[in-house]
Amino acid sequence: YGSEAVIVKLYDHTGVLNGVTAGTAQYNDGAWHDIGPLTGGIISSGTVPTAGNYYFRIINYNGTGSTSNNQYLYVPSGGTTITFQTTLVSLNLKDHSGALITGESGTGGYYSTGWQTLGSTGSNGYVQAELLPGSYYFNMNYHNYTQQIGAMSVGAGPTQDVDFQTTLVTLNLRHHDGSLITTEDGTGAYNTGAWHTLGSTAGTGMNSIELLPGSGYYFN
C-alpha cells in the first residue's frame, strides 16, 4: 500500500480561497501529523499513509493559535480533497436603542489561546474577522471599559453577529425634594480605574453617557 494524495482547501465565508498567511493542516491516525502549511488557502500536494479514515484539522490559523473543529473523513484510493470554511464574524457595538454606534469607536477582540485584537469599530460601528468554526471569547472596549462575552460557539456561517449593547446611564443632580437642579450646574464623572469627566449638567440637571454593561463603575 502506498500513500494517498490529499488536497486541503480553506475557503472564506463567500467560498473564495482564504488567503491566510499562516496555518497548518494535520491528519490523525492515532496521533496528529502535519500535512503541510497553507499557502494562499491551499495545500496542493499533501499525503496520508494509506486509504482509510482519518481526522483532519487546521491549527494556528492565521498565526493566532486557533484550531478548527475536527473532520472525520474517509480517504479513498486515488486521494481526495478536504475542505474547511471560515465564518465572517461581526462584533457590533450598539447603543441602548439597538442602533450601531458610528460617532465614536470601540475596539473588539477575541480569545483563542490568547487575546487577539481585531481593531476599531470606526465609523461602521462594527469590526469583522474570518474565523474557523469553534469556541471563542469576545470582548469590546468602549468608553474605557471592556465587556467580555463567552465562551460562545461560532457556527458554520457564512456569517455570525456578536452584539455588544450599551446602556444609557444618566447622572441626575437633584434638590432635596427630588426635583432636578436646572438653575445651577454640576459636573459628573465615572471611574473604571481612572476618573473620566462626563461634563456639565448644563441647565438640565443631568448628563448621560452610553456605557457597556458590567460591574466596577464608580460615579461622582
N, C-alpha and C. Protein backbone atom coordinates (compact mmCIF):
# COMPACT_ATOMS: atom_id res chain seq x y z
N TYR A 1 0.84 -1.19 0.00
CA TYR A 1 0.00 0.00 0.00
C TYR A 1 0.88 1.25 0.00
N GLY A 2 0.54 2.22 -0.87
CA GLY A 2 1.28 3.46 -0.92
C GLY A 2 0.49 4.59 -0.32
N SER A 3 1.12 5.75 -0.23
CA SER A 3 0.45 6.91 0.32
C SER A 3 -0.62 7.42 -0.66
N GLU A 4 -1.57 8.14 -0.09
CA GLU A 4 -2.67 8.71 -0.89
C GLU A 4 -2.59 10.23 -0.86
N ALA A 5 -2.85 10.84 -1.99
CA ALA A 5 -2.77 12.30 -2.10
C ALA A 5 -3.99 12.96 -1.48
N VAL A 6 -3.76 14.01 -0.77
CA VAL A 6 -4.86 14.83 -0.25
C VAL A 6 -4.56 16.29 -0.58
N ILE A 7 -5.59 16.96 -1.06
CA ILE A 7 -5.55 18.41 -1.26
C ILE A 7 -6.40 19.04 -0.17
N VAL A 8 -5.87 20.02 0.53
CA VAL A 8 -6.60 20.71 1.59
C VAL A 8 -6.88 22.13 1.14
N LYS A 9 -8.15 22.53 1.22
CA LYS A 9 -8.53 23.87 0.83
C LYS A 9 -9.28 24.55 1.98
N LEU A 10 -8.95 25.80 2.20
CA LEU A 10 -9.63 26.62 3.20
C LEU A 10 -10.30 27.78 2.49
N TYR A 11 -11.63 27.82 2.58
CA TYR A 11 -12.41 28.87 1.93
C TYR A 11 -12.86 29.91 2.95
N ASP A 12 -13.05 31.15 2.49
CA ASP A 12 -13.67 32.15 3.35
C ASP A 12 -15.19 32.01 3.28
N HIS A 13 -15.91 32.91 3.94
CA HIS A 13 -17.36 32.75 4.05
C HIS A 13 -18.07 32.89 2.72
N THR A 14 -17.40 33.47 1.71
CA THR A 14 -18.01 33.63 0.39
C THR A 14 -17.72 32.45 -0.53
N GLY A 15 -16.84 31.54 -0.09
CA GLY A 15 -16.48 30.41 -0.94
C GLY A 15 -15.23 30.63 -1.76
N VAL A 16 -14.53 31.74 -1.51
CA VAL A 16 -13.26 32.03 -2.17
C VAL A 16 -12.13 31.52 -1.28
N LEU A 17 -11.05 31.02 -1.88
CA LEU A 17 -9.92 30.55 -1.09
C LEU A 17 -9.46 31.64 -0.13
N ASN A 18 -9.31 31.26 1.13
CA ASN A 18 -8.93 32.19 2.18
C ASN A 18 -7.41 32.35 2.16
N GLY A 19 -6.95 33.51 1.75
CA GLY A 19 -5.51 33.72 1.58
C GLY A 19 -4.79 34.01 2.87
N VAL A 20 -4.92 33.12 3.85
CA VAL A 20 -4.26 33.34 5.13
C VAL A 20 -2.75 33.20 4.96
N THR A 21 -2.02 33.87 5.83
CA THR A 21 -0.57 33.85 5.75
C THR A 21 0.04 32.78 6.65
N ALA A 22 -0.77 32.13 7.46
CA ALA A 22 -0.24 31.08 8.34
C ALA A 22 -1.34 30.09 8.66
N GLY A 23 -0.94 28.89 8.93
CA GLY A 23 -1.86 27.81 9.27
C GLY A 23 -1.30 26.50 8.75
N THR A 24 -1.56 25.43 9.47
CA THR A 24 -1.04 24.11 9.12
C THR A 24 -2.17 23.09 9.17
N ALA A 25 -2.29 22.29 8.12
CA ALA A 25 -3.26 21.19 8.09
C ALA A 25 -2.61 19.94 8.67
N GLN A 26 -3.42 19.16 9.41
CA GLN A 26 -2.94 17.94 10.03
C GLN A 26 -3.92 16.79 9.82
N TYR A 27 -3.42 15.58 9.90
CA TYR A 27 -4.28 14.39 9.94
C TYR A 27 -3.92 13.57 11.17
N ASN A 28 -4.86 12.73 11.59
CA ASN A 28 -4.66 11.91 12.78
C ASN A 28 -4.96 10.46 12.46
N ASP A 29 -3.97 9.60 12.68
CA ASP A 29 -4.16 8.15 12.56
C ASP A 29 -3.85 7.46 13.88
N GLY A 30 -4.12 8.18 14.96
CA GLY A 30 -3.74 7.77 16.31
C GLY A 30 -2.88 8.82 16.97
N ALA A 31 -2.27 9.65 16.15
CA ALA A 31 -1.51 10.82 16.59
C ALA A 31 -1.59 11.86 15.48
N TRP A 32 -1.42 13.12 15.83
CA TRP A 32 -1.50 14.18 14.84
C TRP A 32 -0.19 14.31 14.08
N HIS A 33 -0.31 14.46 12.75
CA HIS A 33 0.84 14.64 11.87
C HIS A 33 0.55 15.81 10.92
N ASP A 34 1.58 16.58 10.64
CA ASP A 34 1.43 17.70 9.71
C ASP A 34 1.27 17.20 8.28
N ILE A 35 0.30 17.76 7.57
CA ILE A 35 0.22 17.59 6.11
C ILE A 35 1.07 18.64 5.43
N GLY A 36 1.00 19.85 5.97
CA GLY A 36 1.81 20.93 5.44
C GLY A 36 1.20 22.27 5.75
N PRO A 37 1.93 23.35 5.43
CA PRO A 37 1.43 24.70 5.68
C PRO A 37 0.48 25.14 4.57
N LEU A 38 -0.50 25.95 4.95
CA LEU A 38 -1.41 26.55 3.97
C LEU A 38 -0.70 27.70 3.27
N THR A 39 -0.79 27.71 1.96
CA THR A 39 -0.26 28.81 1.17
C THR A 39 -1.38 29.34 0.29
N GLY A 40 -1.84 30.54 0.60
CA GLY A 40 -2.96 31.09 -0.15
C GLY A 40 -4.23 30.29 0.02
N GLY A 41 -4.37 29.63 1.19
CA GLY A 41 -5.59 28.88 1.48
C GLY A 41 -5.61 27.48 0.93
N ILE A 42 -4.47 26.95 0.45
CA ILE A 42 -4.48 25.63 -0.17
C ILE A 42 -3.18 24.88 0.10
N ILE A 43 -3.30 23.57 0.26
CA ILE A 43 -2.16 22.65 0.23
C ILE A 43 -2.43 21.71 -0.93
N SER A 44 -1.63 21.79 -1.96
CA SER A 44 -1.94 21.06 -3.19
C SER A 44 -1.24 19.72 -3.30
N SER A 45 -0.31 19.42 -2.40
CA SER A 45 0.46 18.19 -2.56
C SER A 45 0.67 17.46 -1.24
N GLY A 46 -0.40 17.35 -0.43
CA GLY A 46 -0.30 16.61 0.82
C GLY A 46 -0.53 15.13 0.61
N THR A 47 -0.16 14.35 1.62
CA THR A 47 -0.39 12.90 1.57
C THR A 47 -0.78 12.38 2.95
N VAL A 48 -1.49 11.23 2.93
CA VAL A 48 -1.70 10.42 4.13
C VAL A 48 -1.14 9.03 3.82
N PRO A 49 -0.85 8.22 4.85
CA PRO A 49 -0.12 6.96 4.60
C PRO A 49 -0.83 5.98 3.67
N THR A 50 -2.13 5.77 3.86
CA THR A 50 -2.88 4.80 3.05
C THR A 50 -4.32 5.28 2.94
N ALA A 51 -5.11 4.64 2.10
CA ALA A 51 -6.55 4.88 2.10
C ALA A 51 -7.13 4.47 3.45
N GLY A 52 -8.14 5.20 3.92
CA GLY A 52 -8.75 4.88 5.21
C GLY A 52 -9.37 6.10 5.85
N ASN A 53 -9.80 5.94 7.09
CA ASN A 53 -10.46 7.00 7.84
C ASN A 53 -9.45 7.79 8.67
N TYR A 54 -9.59 9.09 8.63
CA TYR A 54 -8.69 9.98 9.37
C TYR A 54 -9.48 11.16 9.92
N TYR A 55 -8.94 11.72 11.00
CA TYR A 55 -9.38 13.05 11.44
C TYR A 55 -8.48 14.08 10.77
N PHE A 56 -9.09 15.22 10.41
CA PHE A 56 -8.34 16.32 9.81
C PHE A 56 -8.67 17.61 10.57
N ARG A 57 -7.69 18.50 10.62
CA ARG A 57 -7.91 19.80 11.26
C ARG A 57 -6.90 20.80 10.71
N ILE A 58 -7.16 22.07 11.01
CA ILE A 58 -6.22 23.15 10.73
C ILE A 58 -5.83 23.78 12.07
N ILE A 59 -4.54 23.95 12.29
CA ILE A 59 -4.05 24.56 13.52
C ILE A 59 -3.34 25.87 13.20
N ASN A 60 -3.23 26.71 14.24
CA ASN A 60 -2.53 28.00 14.14
C ASN A 60 -3.04 28.83 12.97
N TYR A 61 -4.36 28.87 12.84
CA TYR A 61 -4.97 29.63 11.75
C TYR A 61 -4.56 31.09 11.80
N ASN A 62 -4.03 31.57 10.69
CA ASN A 62 -3.61 32.96 10.54
C ASN A 62 -2.63 33.39 11.64
N GLY A 63 -1.90 32.43 12.17
CA GLY A 63 -0.89 32.74 13.17
C GLY A 63 -1.43 33.06 14.54
N THR A 64 -2.73 32.80 14.78
CA THR A 64 -3.35 33.18 16.05
C THR A 64 -3.41 32.04 17.05
N GLY A 65 -3.04 30.83 16.63
CA GLY A 65 -3.11 29.69 17.53
C GLY A 65 -4.46 29.00 17.53
N SER A 66 -5.45 29.53 16.82
CA SER A 66 -6.77 28.91 16.82
C SER A 66 -6.77 27.64 15.97
N THR A 67 -7.62 26.69 16.37
CA THR A 67 -7.68 25.38 15.75
C THR A 67 -9.10 25.09 15.29
N SER A 68 -9.23 24.51 14.11
CA SER A 68 -10.55 24.19 13.58
C SER A 68 -11.16 23.02 14.33
N ASN A 69 -12.48 22.84 14.18
CA ASN A 69 -13.10 21.60 14.60
C ASN A 69 -12.56 20.45 13.75
N ASN A 70 -12.50 19.26 14.33
CA ASN A 70 -12.01 18.10 13.59
C ASN A 70 -13.04 17.62 12.57
N GLN A 71 -12.55 17.15 11.43
CA GLN A 71 -13.39 16.47 10.44
C GLN A 71 -12.94 15.01 10.35
N TYR A 72 -13.91 14.09 10.41
CA TYR A 72 -13.60 12.67 10.29
C TYR A 72 -14.04 12.22 8.90
N LEU A 73 -13.05 11.85 8.07
CA LEU A 73 -13.33 11.60 6.66
C LEU A 73 -12.61 10.34 6.19
N TYR A 74 -13.18 9.73 5.15
CA TYR A 74 -12.56 8.58 4.51
C TYR A 74 -11.77 9.06 3.29
N VAL A 75 -10.51 8.65 3.23
CA VAL A 75 -9.67 8.95 2.07
C VAL A 75 -9.64 7.70 1.20
N PRO A 76 -10.21 7.76 0.01
CA PRO A 76 -10.24 6.58 -0.86
C PRO A 76 -8.93 6.40 -1.62
N SER A 77 -8.79 5.24 -2.23
CA SER A 77 -7.67 5.02 -3.12
C SER A 77 -7.75 6.04 -4.26
N GLY A 78 -6.68 6.70 -4.53
CA GLY A 78 -6.68 7.76 -5.53
C GLY A 78 -6.71 9.14 -4.92
N GLY A 79 -6.93 9.22 -3.57
CA GLY A 79 -6.86 10.50 -2.88
C GLY A 79 -8.17 11.28 -2.88
N THR A 80 -8.17 12.43 -2.25
CA THR A 80 -9.37 13.24 -2.12
C THR A 80 -9.01 14.67 -1.78
N THR A 81 -10.03 15.53 -1.77
CA THR A 81 -9.88 16.93 -1.37
C THR A 81 -10.65 17.17 -0.08
N ILE A 82 -10.02 17.80 0.87
CA ILE A 82 -10.65 18.12 2.16
C ILE A 82 -10.83 19.62 2.22
N THR A 83 -12.04 20.06 2.58
CA THR A 83 -12.32 21.49 2.59
C THR A 83 -12.71 21.96 3.99
N PHE A 84 -12.26 23.14 4.31
CA PHE A 84 -12.65 23.86 5.52
C PHE A 84 -13.15 25.23 5.08
N GLN A 85 -14.02 25.85 5.91
CA GLN A 85 -14.53 27.18 5.58
C GLN A 85 -14.66 28.02 6.82
N THR A 86 -14.21 29.27 6.72
CA THR A 86 -14.33 30.20 7.83
C THR A 86 -15.68 30.90 7.81
N THR A 87 -16.03 31.48 8.94
CA THR A 87 -17.25 32.26 9.11
C THR A 87 -16.88 33.72 9.32
N LEU A 88 -17.59 34.63 8.67
CA LEU A 88 -17.35 36.06 8.88
C LEU A 88 -18.08 36.49 10.15
N VAL A 89 -17.32 36.80 11.19
CA VAL A 89 -17.88 37.19 12.48
C VAL A 89 -17.80 38.71 12.61
N SER A 90 -18.94 39.32 12.93
CA SER A 90 -19.02 40.77 13.12
C SER A 90 -19.25 41.08 14.59
N LEU A 91 -18.34 41.84 15.18
CA LEU A 91 -18.53 42.36 16.53
C LEU A 91 -19.17 43.73 16.40
N ASN A 92 -20.43 43.83 16.83
CA ASN A 92 -21.23 45.04 16.64
C ASN A 92 -21.33 45.81 17.95
N LEU A 93 -21.03 47.09 17.88
CA LEU A 93 -21.17 47.98 19.04
C LEU A 93 -22.44 48.78 18.87
N LYS A 94 -23.43 48.53 19.74
CA LYS A 94 -24.75 49.15 19.59
C LYS A 94 -25.10 49.99 20.81
N ASP A 95 -25.87 51.04 20.58
CA ASP A 95 -26.32 51.87 21.69
C ASP A 95 -27.56 51.26 22.33
N HIS A 96 -28.11 51.96 23.33
CA HIS A 96 -29.23 51.40 24.10
C HIS A 96 -30.47 51.17 23.24
N SER A 97 -30.57 51.86 22.10
CA SER A 97 -31.74 51.69 21.23
C SER A 97 -31.55 50.56 20.22
N GLY A 98 -30.33 50.01 20.17
CA GLY A 98 -30.04 48.95 19.22
C GLY A 98 -29.39 49.43 17.94
N ALA A 99 -29.17 50.73 17.82
CA ALA A 99 -28.51 51.28 16.62
C ALA A 99 -26.99 51.16 16.76
N LEU A 100 -26.31 50.93 15.64
CA LEU A 100 -24.86 50.88 15.65
C LEU A 100 -24.28 52.24 16.05
N ILE A 101 -23.26 52.22 16.90
CA ILE A 101 -22.60 53.45 17.32
C ILE A 101 -21.54 53.81 16.28
N THR A 102 -21.79 54.86 15.54
CA THR A 102 -20.88 55.24 14.44
C THR A 102 -20.14 56.55 14.72
N GLY A 103 -20.58 57.29 15.73
CA GLY A 103 -19.95 58.57 16.03
C GLY A 103 -18.72 58.44 16.91
N GLU A 104 -18.58 57.30 17.58
CA GLU A 104 -17.42 57.01 18.42
C GLU A 104 -16.98 55.58 18.14
N SER A 105 -15.77 55.24 18.58
CA SER A 105 -15.22 53.92 18.26
C SER A 105 -15.01 53.08 19.50
N GLY A 106 -15.17 51.79 19.33
CA GLY A 106 -14.75 50.80 20.31
C GLY A 106 -13.69 49.92 19.68
N THR A 107 -13.09 49.06 20.49
CA THR A 107 -12.06 48.14 20.00
C THR A 107 -12.46 46.72 20.36
N GLY A 108 -12.57 45.86 19.35
CA GLY A 108 -13.00 44.49 19.55
C GLY A 108 -11.84 43.51 19.51
N GLY A 109 -12.06 42.36 20.15
CA GLY A 109 -11.06 41.31 20.14
C GLY A 109 -11.69 39.96 20.39
N TYR A 110 -10.90 38.91 20.21
CA TYR A 110 -11.37 37.56 20.51
C TYR A 110 -10.23 36.76 21.13
N TYR A 111 -10.61 35.68 21.83
CA TYR A 111 -9.62 34.85 22.52
C TYR A 111 -9.63 33.45 21.95
N SER A 112 -8.45 32.99 21.54
CA SER A 112 -8.24 31.60 21.15
C SER A 112 -6.78 31.29 21.39
N THR A 113 -6.48 30.75 22.56
CA THR A 113 -5.13 30.51 23.11
C THR A 113 -4.44 31.80 23.49
N GLY A 114 -5.07 32.93 23.26
CA GLY A 114 -4.55 34.25 23.62
C GLY A 114 -5.45 35.31 23.02
N TRP A 115 -5.46 36.50 23.62
CA TRP A 115 -6.31 37.57 23.10
C TRP A 115 -5.73 38.13 21.81
N GLN A 116 -6.60 38.28 20.82
CA GLN A 116 -6.24 38.84 19.52
C GLN A 116 -7.08 40.10 19.30
N THR A 117 -6.43 41.22 19.01
CA THR A 117 -7.15 42.46 18.75
C THR A 117 -7.59 42.51 17.30
N LEU A 118 -8.88 42.76 17.08
CA LEU A 118 -9.40 42.88 15.73
C LEU A 118 -9.29 44.30 15.20
N GLY A 119 -9.34 45.28 16.10
CA GLY A 119 -9.22 46.66 15.68
C GLY A 119 -10.43 47.48 16.05
N SER A 120 -10.49 48.67 15.49
CA SER A 120 -11.51 49.66 15.84
C SER A 120 -12.81 49.43 15.06
N THR A 121 -13.92 49.71 15.73
CA THR A 121 -15.22 49.67 15.06
C THR A 121 -15.37 50.85 14.10
N GLY A 122 -14.60 51.91 14.32
CA GLY A 122 -14.59 53.06 13.41
C GLY A 122 -15.97 53.65 13.17
N SER A 123 -16.16 54.18 11.98
CA SER A 123 -17.43 54.82 11.64
C SER A 123 -18.49 53.81 11.21
N ASN A 124 -18.12 52.51 11.15
CA ASN A 124 -19.10 51.48 10.79
C ASN A 124 -19.91 51.00 11.98
N GLY A 125 -19.30 51.07 13.17
CA GLY A 125 -19.96 50.52 14.36
C GLY A 125 -19.70 49.04 14.54
N TYR A 126 -18.83 48.45 13.74
CA TYR A 126 -18.52 47.03 13.88
C TYR A 126 -17.11 46.77 13.36
N VAL A 127 -16.58 45.62 13.77
CA VAL A 127 -15.29 45.15 13.26
C VAL A 127 -15.45 43.66 12.97
N GLN A 128 -14.81 43.17 11.90
CA GLN A 128 -15.06 41.82 11.41
C GLN A 128 -13.79 41.01 11.29
N ALA A 129 -13.97 39.67 11.32
CA ALA A 129 -12.86 38.76 11.10
C ALA A 129 -13.40 37.43 10.57
N GLU A 130 -12.62 36.80 9.70
CA GLU A 130 -12.91 35.44 9.25
C GLU A 130 -12.34 34.47 10.30
N LEU A 131 -13.22 33.69 10.92
CA LEU A 131 -12.80 32.77 11.96
C LEU A 131 -13.23 31.35 11.64
N LEU A 132 -12.42 30.39 12.02
CA LEU A 132 -12.80 29.00 11.91
C LEU A 132 -13.92 28.69 12.89
N PRO A 133 -14.91 27.89 12.51
CA PRO A 133 -15.93 27.48 13.48
C PRO A 133 -15.30 26.87 14.73
N GLY A 134 -15.85 27.21 15.87
CA GLY A 134 -15.30 26.72 17.14
C GLY A 134 -15.75 27.60 18.28
N SER A 135 -15.12 27.45 19.42
CA SER A 135 -15.49 28.17 20.64
C SER A 135 -14.52 29.33 20.88
N TYR A 136 -15.09 30.50 21.16
CA TYR A 136 -14.27 31.70 21.36
C TYR A 136 -14.85 32.55 22.49
N TYR A 137 -14.00 33.38 23.07
CA TYR A 137 -14.42 34.52 23.88
C TYR A 137 -14.26 35.78 23.02
N PHE A 138 -15.15 36.75 23.23
CA PHE A 138 -15.07 38.02 22.52
C PHE A 138 -15.11 39.16 23.53
N ASN A 139 -14.48 40.29 23.19
CA ASN A 139 -14.58 41.45 24.06
C ASN A 139 -14.68 42.72 23.25
N MET A 140 -15.13 43.75 23.92
CA MET A 140 -15.24 45.08 23.33
C MET A 140 -14.87 46.11 24.39
N ASN A 141 -13.96 47.02 24.02
CA ASN A 141 -13.60 48.12 24.89
C ASN A 141 -14.23 49.39 24.35
N TYR A 142 -15.00 50.06 25.21
CA TYR A 142 -15.68 51.30 24.81
C TYR A 142 -15.82 52.18 26.03
N HIS A 143 -15.52 53.44 25.88
CA HIS A 143 -15.58 54.39 27.00
C HIS A 143 -14.82 53.85 28.21
N ASN A 144 -13.61 53.31 27.94
CA ASN A 144 -12.67 52.94 28.99
C ASN A 144 -13.10 51.72 29.81
N TYR A 145 -14.00 50.92 29.24
CA TYR A 145 -14.44 49.70 29.94
C TYR A 145 -14.50 48.57 28.93
N THR A 146 -14.09 47.36 29.34
CA THR A 146 -14.10 46.19 28.47
C THR A 146 -15.14 45.18 28.95
N GLN A 147 -16.06 44.84 28.06
CA GLN A 147 -17.04 43.79 28.33
C GLN A 147 -16.62 42.53 27.59
N GLN A 148 -16.75 41.40 28.27
CA GLN A 148 -16.39 40.11 27.68
C GLN A 148 -17.63 39.24 27.53
N ILE A 149 -17.71 38.53 26.41
CA ILE A 149 -18.81 37.60 26.14
C ILE A 149 -18.21 36.24 25.82
N GLY A 150 -18.81 35.19 26.35
CA GLY A 150 -18.37 33.84 26.00
C GLY A 150 -18.09 33.00 27.24
N ALA A 151 -17.67 31.77 26.98
CA ALA A 151 -17.36 31.24 25.65
C ALA A 151 -18.64 31.06 24.83
N MET A 152 -18.53 31.32 23.52
CA MET A 152 -19.65 31.13 22.63
C MET A 152 -19.16 30.43 21.37
N SER A 153 -20.09 29.71 20.77
CA SER A 153 -19.75 28.91 19.60
C SER A 153 -19.94 29.71 18.32
N VAL A 154 -18.92 29.69 17.48
CA VAL A 154 -19.04 30.21 16.12
C VAL A 154 -19.41 29.05 15.22
N GLY A 155 -20.55 29.17 14.57
CA GLY A 155 -21.05 28.09 13.74
C GLY A 155 -20.48 28.12 12.34
N ALA A 156 -21.05 27.26 11.49
CA ALA A 156 -20.53 27.09 10.13
C ALA A 156 -21.09 28.11 9.16
N GLY A 157 -21.27 29.32 9.61
CA GLY A 157 -21.52 30.50 8.78
C GLY A 157 -22.69 30.45 7.83
N PRO A 158 -22.64 31.31 6.83
CA PRO A 158 -21.45 32.07 6.41
C PRO A 158 -21.14 33.30 7.29
N THR A 159 -22.13 33.82 8.04
CA THR A 159 -21.87 34.99 8.87
C THR A 159 -22.45 34.77 10.26
N GLN A 160 -21.92 35.52 11.22
CA GLN A 160 -22.44 35.47 12.58
C GLN A 160 -22.19 36.80 13.26
N ASP A 161 -23.18 37.28 14.01
CA ASP A 161 -23.08 38.54 14.73
C ASP A 161 -22.82 38.29 16.22
N VAL A 162 -21.97 39.12 16.79
CA VAL A 162 -21.76 39.17 18.23
C VAL A 162 -22.04 40.61 18.65
N ASP A 163 -23.12 40.81 19.39
CA ASP A 163 -23.56 42.17 19.72
C ASP A 163 -23.11 42.59 21.11
N PHE A 164 -22.56 43.78 21.18
CA PHE A 164 -22.27 44.45 22.44
C PHE A 164 -23.17 45.68 22.50
N GLN A 165 -24.10 45.71 23.45
CA GLN A 165 -25.07 46.80 23.52
C GLN A 165 -24.89 47.59 24.80
N THR A 166 -24.80 48.88 24.66
CA THR A 166 -24.59 49.76 25.80
C THR A 166 -25.91 50.08 26.50
N THR A 167 -25.77 50.61 27.70
CA THR A 167 -26.90 51.12 28.49
C THR A 167 -26.73 52.64 28.61
N LEU A 168 -27.81 53.36 28.44
CA LEU A 168 -27.76 54.82 28.61
C LEU A 168 -27.83 55.13 30.11
N VAL A 169 -26.72 55.58 30.66
CA VAL A 169 -26.63 55.90 32.08
C VAL A 169 -26.77 57.41 32.25
N THR A 170 -27.69 57.82 33.12
CA THR A 170 -27.94 59.25 33.36
C THR A 170 -27.62 59.59 34.80
N LEU A 171 -26.73 60.55 34.97
CA LEU A 171 -26.41 61.08 36.30
C LEU A 171 -27.30 62.31 36.53
N ASN A 172 -28.15 62.20 37.55
CA ASN A 172 -29.13 63.25 37.84
C ASN A 172 -28.71 64.04 39.08
N LEU A 173 -28.73 65.36 38.97
CA LEU A 173 -28.44 66.25 40.09
C LEU A 173 -29.77 66.82 40.59
N ARG A 174 -30.14 66.45 41.82
CA ARG A 174 -31.48 66.78 42.32
C ARG A 174 -31.42 67.62 43.60
N HIS A 175 -32.49 68.41 43.78
CA HIS A 175 -32.74 69.11 45.04
C HIS A 175 -33.11 68.11 46.12
N HIS A 176 -33.19 68.61 47.34
CA HIS A 176 -33.62 67.78 48.47
C HIS A 176 -35.03 67.24 48.27
N ASP A 177 -35.84 67.94 47.45
CA ASP A 177 -37.21 67.48 47.23
C ASP A 177 -37.33 66.51 46.05
N GLY A 178 -36.20 66.20 45.43
CA GLY A 178 -36.20 65.23 44.34
C GLY A 178 -36.28 65.84 42.96
N SER A 179 -36.50 67.14 42.86
CA SER A 179 -36.56 67.78 41.54
C SER A 179 -35.16 68.05 41.01
N LEU A 180 -35.04 68.02 39.67
CA LEU A 180 -33.75 68.27 39.03
C LEU A 180 -33.31 69.71 39.24
N ILE A 181 -32.03 69.91 39.49
CA ILE A 181 -31.47 71.24 39.65
C ILE A 181 -31.10 71.77 38.27
N THR A 182 -31.81 72.78 37.82
CA THR A 182 -31.60 73.31 36.47
C THR A 182 -31.08 74.74 36.47
N THR A 183 -31.07 75.36 37.63
CA THR A 183 -30.62 76.75 37.69
C THR A 183 -29.13 76.86 37.97
N GLU A 184 -28.52 75.76 38.39
CA GLU A 184 -27.08 75.72 38.59
C GLU A 184 -26.56 74.44 37.95
N ASP A 185 -25.24 74.41 37.70
CA ASP A 185 -24.64 73.27 37.00
C ASP A 185 -23.78 72.44 37.94
N GLY A 186 -23.77 71.15 37.69
CA GLY A 186 -22.83 70.24 38.33
C GLY A 186 -22.02 69.53 37.26
N THR A 187 -20.98 68.83 37.68
CA THR A 187 -20.13 68.10 36.74
C THR A 187 -20.08 66.64 37.15
N GLY A 188 -20.45 65.75 36.25
CA GLY A 188 -20.46 64.32 36.52
C GLY A 188 -19.22 63.61 35.98
N ALA A 189 -18.94 62.44 36.56
CA ALA A 189 -17.79 61.65 36.11
C ALA A 189 -18.02 60.19 36.47
N TYR A 190 -17.24 59.33 35.83
CA TYR A 190 -17.26 57.91 36.17
C TYR A 190 -15.84 57.39 36.23
N ASN A 191 -15.66 56.25 36.91
CA ASN A 191 -14.34 55.68 37.12
C ASN A 191 -14.34 54.21 36.76
N THR A 192 -13.38 53.79 35.91
CA THR A 192 -13.17 52.38 35.59
C THR A 192 -11.70 52.02 35.79
N GLY A 193 -11.12 52.63 36.83
CA GLY A 193 -9.69 52.52 37.08
C GLY A 193 -9.04 53.88 37.09
N ALA A 194 -9.71 54.83 36.47
CA ALA A 194 -9.33 56.24 36.50
C ALA A 194 -10.60 57.05 36.29
N TRP A 195 -10.59 58.29 36.73
CA TRP A 195 -11.77 59.14 36.60
C TRP A 195 -11.85 59.74 35.20
N HIS A 196 -13.08 59.74 34.66
CA HIS A 196 -13.36 60.30 33.34
C HIS A 196 -14.53 61.26 33.47
N THR A 197 -14.32 62.50 33.08
CA THR A 197 -15.35 63.53 33.24
C THR A 197 -16.39 63.43 32.14
N LEU A 198 -17.67 63.48 32.55
CA LEU A 198 -18.77 63.49 31.58
C LEU A 198 -19.09 64.89 31.11
N GLY A 199 -18.88 65.85 31.98
CA GLY A 199 -19.18 67.23 31.64
C GLY A 199 -20.25 67.82 32.53
N SER A 200 -20.71 68.99 32.17
CA SER A 200 -21.66 69.76 32.98
C SER A 200 -23.09 69.28 32.77
N THR A 201 -23.87 69.40 33.83
CA THR A 201 -25.31 69.15 33.71
C THR A 201 -25.99 70.24 32.87
N ALA A 202 -25.33 71.35 32.71
CA ALA A 202 -25.67 72.37 31.71
C ALA A 202 -27.14 72.78 31.71
N GLY A 203 -27.66 73.08 32.88
CA GLY A 203 -29.02 73.60 32.97
C GLY A 203 -30.11 72.56 32.83
N THR A 204 -29.76 71.31 32.64
CA THR A 204 -30.76 70.25 32.51
C THR A 204 -30.90 69.43 33.78
N GLY A 205 -29.91 69.54 34.66
CA GLY A 205 -29.93 68.75 35.88
C GLY A 205 -29.43 67.33 35.67
N MET A 206 -28.89 67.05 34.50
CA MET A 206 -28.44 65.68 34.22
C MET A 206 -27.38 65.69 33.13
N ASN A 207 -26.59 64.62 33.10
CA ASN A 207 -25.82 64.31 31.90
C ASN A 207 -25.77 62.80 31.73
N SER A 208 -25.64 62.37 30.48
CA SER A 208 -25.82 60.96 30.14
C SER A 208 -24.64 60.46 29.32
N ILE A 209 -24.46 59.15 29.38
CA ILE A 209 -23.40 58.50 28.60
C ILE A 209 -23.81 57.05 28.32
N GLU A 210 -23.42 56.56 27.15
CA GLU A 210 -23.63 55.15 26.81
C GLU A 210 -22.46 54.34 27.37
N LEU A 211 -22.76 53.36 28.22
CA LEU A 211 -21.72 52.53 28.84
C LEU A 211 -22.04 51.05 28.64
N LEU A 212 -21.01 50.27 28.44
CA LEU A 212 -21.19 48.82 28.35
C LEU A 212 -21.59 48.25 29.70
N PRO A 213 -22.45 47.24 29.73
CA PRO A 213 -22.85 46.64 31.00
C PRO A 213 -21.66 46.02 31.73
N GLY A 214 -21.72 46.07 33.05
CA GLY A 214 -20.68 45.44 33.85
C GLY A 214 -20.60 46.06 35.23
N SER A 215 -19.81 45.44 36.08
CA SER A 215 -19.57 45.97 37.43
C SER A 215 -18.23 46.67 37.47
N GLY A 216 -18.01 47.40 38.54
CA GLY A 216 -16.73 48.08 38.68
C GLY A 216 -16.76 49.54 38.31
N TYR A 217 -17.93 50.08 37.99
CA TYR A 217 -18.04 51.51 37.74
C TYR A 217 -18.21 52.26 39.06
N TYR A 218 -17.58 53.41 39.16
CA TYR A 218 -17.86 54.39 40.20
C TYR A 218 -18.31 55.68 39.54
N PHE A 219 -19.23 56.39 40.20
CA PHE A 219 -19.74 57.65 39.66
C PHE A 219 -19.60 58.74 40.71
N ASN A 220 -19.39 59.98 40.20
CA ASN A 220 -19.42 61.11 41.13
C ASN A 220 -19.96 62.34 40.42
